[in-house]
């Protein structure tokens, strides 16, 4: 039996966080509205994955990712980057290589779920068991 996995959302937009809560059925969700609080939560709770919005106040997204990757407590946690940019960012740019998945904003549930499925192959089993789960279309 799989344990419930924990996801940390670092995003300053309450509407985006609400959309993520509605989409990510089956996760234990932690939320931070700025990057500094997000780093504190990541280190204290060591979630299974972290979603970082590129425009969240505090440190830059590359600063957040660098801080997560340099800390032993958080170095191996998968990171999903949310960004207003519609095209895939240049992952060769400093700080971007630490991203495990990329989701453009506005976030489409199918795109987010595909990214999470790529990181965690167990996710579809949780969704199939949840009643009234989000539509992926």
Protein backbone atom coordinates (compact mmCIF):
# COMPACT_ATOMS: atom_id res chain seq x y z
CA UNK A 1 0.00 0.00 0.00
CA UNK A 2 1.36 3.42 -0.96
CA UNK A 3 1.54 6.16 1.62
CA UNK A 4 0.02 9.53 0.76
CA UNK A 5 2.74 11.67 -0.79
CA UNK A 6 3.33 15.27 0.22
CA UNK A 7 3.59 18.14 -2.26
CA UNK A 8 4.79 21.65 -1.44
CA UNK A 9 3.32 24.43 -3.60
CA UNK A 10 5.31 27.68 -3.66
CA UNK A 11 3.10 30.22 -5.43
CA UNK A 12 1.94 33.68 -4.40
CA UNK A 13 -1.35 33.49 -6.33
CA UNK A 14 -4.15 32.08 -4.14
CA UNK A 15 -6.23 31.23 -7.24
CA UNK A 16 -3.41 29.10 -8.67
CA UNK A 17 -2.96 27.35 -5.32
CA UNK A 18 -6.71 26.65 -5.23
CA UNK A 19 -6.57 25.23 -8.77
CA UNK A 20 -3.62 23.02 -7.79
CA UNK A 21 -5.53 21.78 -4.72
CA UNK A 22 -8.50 20.87 -6.92
CA UNK A 23 -6.28 19.14 -9.49
CA UNK A 24 -3.94 17.25 -7.17
CA UNK A 25 -6.43 14.93 -5.49
CA UNK A 26 -4.65 12.28 -3.44
CA UNK A 27 -1.72 14.42 -2.30
CA UNK A 28 -1.09 15.91 1.14
CA UNK A 29 -0.57 19.57 0.18
CA UNK A 30 1.59 22.19 1.86
CA UNK A 31 1.47 25.80 0.69
CA UNK A 32 3.78 28.80 0.77
CA UNK A 33 3.02 32.19 -0.76
CA UNK A 34 6.66 33.26 -1.03
CA UNK A 35 9.93 31.51 -1.73
CA UNK A 36 11.52 32.11 1.67
CA UNK A 37 8.59 30.47 3.49
CA UNK A 38 8.68 27.71 0.88
CA UNK A 39 12.33 26.96 1.63
CA UNK A 40 11.60 26.80 5.37
CA UNK A 41 8.70 24.37 4.76
CA UNK A 42 10.76 22.26 2.34
CA UNK A 43 13.57 21.85 4.86
CA UNK A 44 11.25 21.15 7.79
CA UNK A 45 8.75 18.82 6.06
CA UNK A 46 10.85 17.30 3.25
CA UNK A 47 7.96 16.84 0.79
CA UNK A 48 7.99 14.25 -1.99
CA UNK A 49 7.80 16.98 -4.67
CA UNK A 50 7.83 20.78 -4.91
CA UNK A 51 6.01 23.03 -7.36
CA UNK A 52 7.70 26.44 -7.71
CA UNK A 53 6.11 29.38 -9.54
CA UNK A 54 8.80 31.34 -11.36
CA UNK A 55 7.27 34.67 -10.32
CA UNK A 56 6.83 34.03 -6.58
CA UNK A 57 8.24 36.87 -4.43
CA UNK A 58 11.43 36.39 -2.44
CA UNK A 59 14.32 34.60 -4.08
CA UNK A 60 14.36 34.13 -7.84
CA UNK A 61 13.22 30.73 -9.10
CA UNK A 62 16.84 29.81 -9.85
CA UNK A 63 17.79 30.94 -6.33
CA UNK A 64 15.09 28.71 -4.85
CA UNK A 65 16.19 25.72 -6.92
CA UNK A 66 19.85 26.30 -6.11
CA UNK A 67 19.03 26.51 -2.38
CA UNK A 68 17.00 23.29 -2.58
CA UNK A 69 19.70 21.41 -4.51
CA UNK A 70 22.54 22.56 -2.23
CA UNK A 71 20.78 21.46 0.97
CA UNK A 72 21.18 17.75 1.85
CA UNK A 73 17.64 17.66 3.26
CA UNK A 74 16.06 18.74 -0.03
CA UNK A 75 18.63 17.92 -2.74
CA UNK A 76 16.78 14.88 -4.10
CA UNK A 77 13.25 16.28 -4.11
CA UNK A 78 11.75 16.60 -7.62
CA UNK A 79 10.97 20.19 -8.64
CA UNK A 80 8.22 21.25 -11.04
CA UNK A 81 8.58 24.80 -12.39
CA UNK A 82 5.45 26.82 -13.26
CA UNK A 83 6.08 29.74 -15.61
CA UNK A 84 4.22 32.31 -17.69
CA UNK A 85 6.51 31.36 -20.58
CA UNK A 86 4.71 29.03 -22.96
CA UNK A 87 7.85 27.44 -24.37
CA UNK A 88 10.13 25.13 -22.46
CA UNK A 89 12.84 27.19 -20.73
CA UNK A 90 16.47 26.78 -21.65
CA UNK A 91 17.49 24.08 -19.17
CA UNK A 92 21.17 24.76 -19.87
CA UNK A 93 20.84 28.16 -18.24
CA UNK A 94 22.26 28.26 -14.69
CA UNK A 95 19.64 27.16 -12.18
CA UNK A 96 17.29 25.66 -14.79
CA UNK A 97 19.01 22.27 -14.99
CA UNK A 98 17.67 21.57 -11.50
CA UNK A 99 14.08 21.46 -12.79
CA UNK A 100 12.59 17.99 -13.12
CA UNK A 101 9.44 19.08 -14.97
CA UNK A 102 8.08 22.27 -16.52
CA UNK A 103 4.43 23.40 -16.68
CA UNK A 104 3.40 26.63 -18.47
CA UNK A 105 0.82 28.98 -16.94
CA UNK A 106 -2.08 29.18 -17.03
CA UNK A 107 -1.89 25.68 -15.63
CA UNK A 108 -3.97 23.14 -17.52
CA UNK A 109 -4.87 20.14 -15.35
CA UNK A 110 -3.85 17.65 -18.05
CA UNK A 111 -0.41 19.25 -18.38
CA UNK A 112 0.17 19.28 -14.63
CA UNK A 113 -1.04 15.71 -14.23
CA UNK A 114 1.21 14.57 -17.09
CA UNK A 115 4.20 16.18 -15.37
CA UNK A 116 3.33 14.54 -12.05
CA UNK A 117 2.73 11.18 -13.73
CA UNK A 118 6.18 11.45 -15.30
CA UNK A 119 7.68 11.93 -11.82
CA UNK A 120 5.46 9.46 -9.95
CA UNK A 121 4.06 6.49 -11.83
CA UNK A 122 1.70 5.67 -8.96
CA UNK A 123 -0.41 8.83 -9.40
CA UNK A 124 -2.93 7.38 -11.90
CA UNK A 125 -3.80 4.62 -9.41
CA UNK A 126 -4.68 7.21 -6.76
CA UNK A 127 -6.76 9.24 -9.21
CA UNK A 128 -8.68 6.20 -10.41
CA UNK A 129 -9.68 5.43 -6.81
CA UNK A 130 -10.76 8.97 -5.92
CA UNK A 131 -14.39 9.83 -6.43
CA UNK A 132 -15.09 13.05 -8.22
CA UNK A 133 -11.42 13.56 -9.16
CA UNK A 134 -10.49 16.31 -11.57
CA UNK A 135 -11.17 16.02 -15.24
CA UNK A 136 -7.96 15.69 -17.20
CA UNK A 137 -9.42 17.02 -20.44
